C-alpha cells in the first residue's frame, strides 16, 4: 500500500531535521512542524498520533528510500 504524500513530506522533514547541521536546525524544525501540521489537518489525526506512528517505522522508511546514513556524532 502506498503511503500518502503528506506522510512522505513529514518523514522527509524529520530526516532533514535529524541529520542537518546545528546552524540549520531552527529552519528544519520549522519545516518539520509545518509538514506535521499539514499532515494532521489532512489525515484527521493529531500531531502526537502522527509523530508516534512515524517514529515506529522511521528507520525502515530510511532503508526503503535508500537514504544515506550520516556519520555518527562523537559525544
Protein backbone atom coordinates (compact mmCIF):
# COMPACT_ATOMS: atom_id res chain seq x y z
CA UNK A 1 0.00 0.00 0.00
CA UNK A 2 1.40 3.38 -0.99
CA UNK A 3 1.95 5.96 1.69
CA UNK A 4 0.07 9.24 1.41
CA UNK A 5 2.18 12.14 0.13
CA UNK A 6 1.65 14.12 3.32
CA UNK A 7 3.29 11.35 5.36
CA UNK A 8 6.22 11.27 2.95
CA UNK A 9 6.65 15.02 3.46
CA UNK A 10 6.67 14.62 7.26
CA UNK A 11 9.21 11.80 7.08
CA UNK A 12 11.44 13.78 4.73
CA UNK A 13 11.26 16.81 7.01
CA UNK A 14 12.10 14.62 10.02
CA UNK A 15 15.07 13.16 8.16
CA UNK A 16 16.31 16.66 7.27
CA UNK A 17 15.86 17.83 10.86
CA UNK A 18 17.56 14.81 12.37
CA UNK A 19 20.61 14.96 10.11
CA UNK A 20 21.09 18.69 9.46
CA UNK A 21 23.84 20.85 10.85
CA UNK A 22 23.31 22.69 14.10
CA UNK A 23 23.00 26.02 12.29
CA UNK A 24 20.20 24.64 10.09
CA UNK A 25 18.16 23.20 12.97
CA UNK A 26 15.81 26.15 13.59
CA UNK A 27 14.73 26.25 9.93
CA UNK A 28 14.47 22.46 9.64
CA UNK A 29 12.40 22.33 12.84
CA UNK A 30 10.05 24.96 11.41
CA UNK A 31 9.67 22.93 8.21
CA UNK A 32 9.08 19.73 10.18
CA UNK A 33 6.37 21.33 12.33
CA UNK A 34 4.68 22.79 9.21
CA UNK A 35 4.68 19.38 7.49
CA UNK A 36 3.37 17.76 10.65
CA UNK A 37 0.56 20.33 10.99
CA UNK A 38 -0.45 19.84 7.34
CA UNK A 39 -0.47 16.05 7.74
CA UNK A 40 -2.59 16.37 10.86
CA UNK A 41 -5.08 18.58 9.06
CA UNK A 42 -5.29 16.27 6.02
CA UNK A 43 -5.45 12.99 7.93
CA UNK A 44 -7.62 13.95 10.88
CA UNK A 45 -5.07 12.53 13.33
CA UNK A 46 -3.38 14.65 15.98
CA UNK A 47 0.24 15.70 15.54
CA UNK A 48 1.16 13.48 18.50
CA UNK A 49 -0.51 10.44 16.94
CA UNK A 50 1.27 11.04 13.65
CA UNK A 51 4.62 11.51 15.40
CA UNK A 52 4.19 8.22 17.26
CA UNK A 53 3.27 6.36 14.07
CA UNK A 54 6.17 7.85 12.10
CA UNK A 55 8.67 7.19 14.90
CA UNK A 56 7.83 3.47 14.87
CA UNK A 57 8.88 2.93 11.27
CA UNK A 58 11.25 5.82 10.58
CA UNK A 59 14.35 3.61 10.35
CA UNK A 60 12.57 1.24 7.95
CA UNK A 61 11.49 4.20 5.81
CA UNK A 62 15.09 5.45 5.61
CA UNK A 63 16.18 1.98 4.42
CA UNK A 64 13.32 1.69 1.91
CA UNK A 65 14.13 5.10 0.46
CA UNK A 66 17.82 4.16 0.38
CA UNK A 67 18.78 7.40 2.09
CA UNK A 68 22.35 7.77 3.28
CA UNK A 69 23.14 7.38 6.93
CA UNK A 70 25.21 10.27 8.22
CA UNK A 71 28.36 9.54 10.22
CA UNK A 72 27.79 9.02 13.91
CA UNK A 73 28.50 12.05 16.03
CA UNK A 74 31.06 11.83 18.77
CA UNK A 75 29.82 12.81 22.19
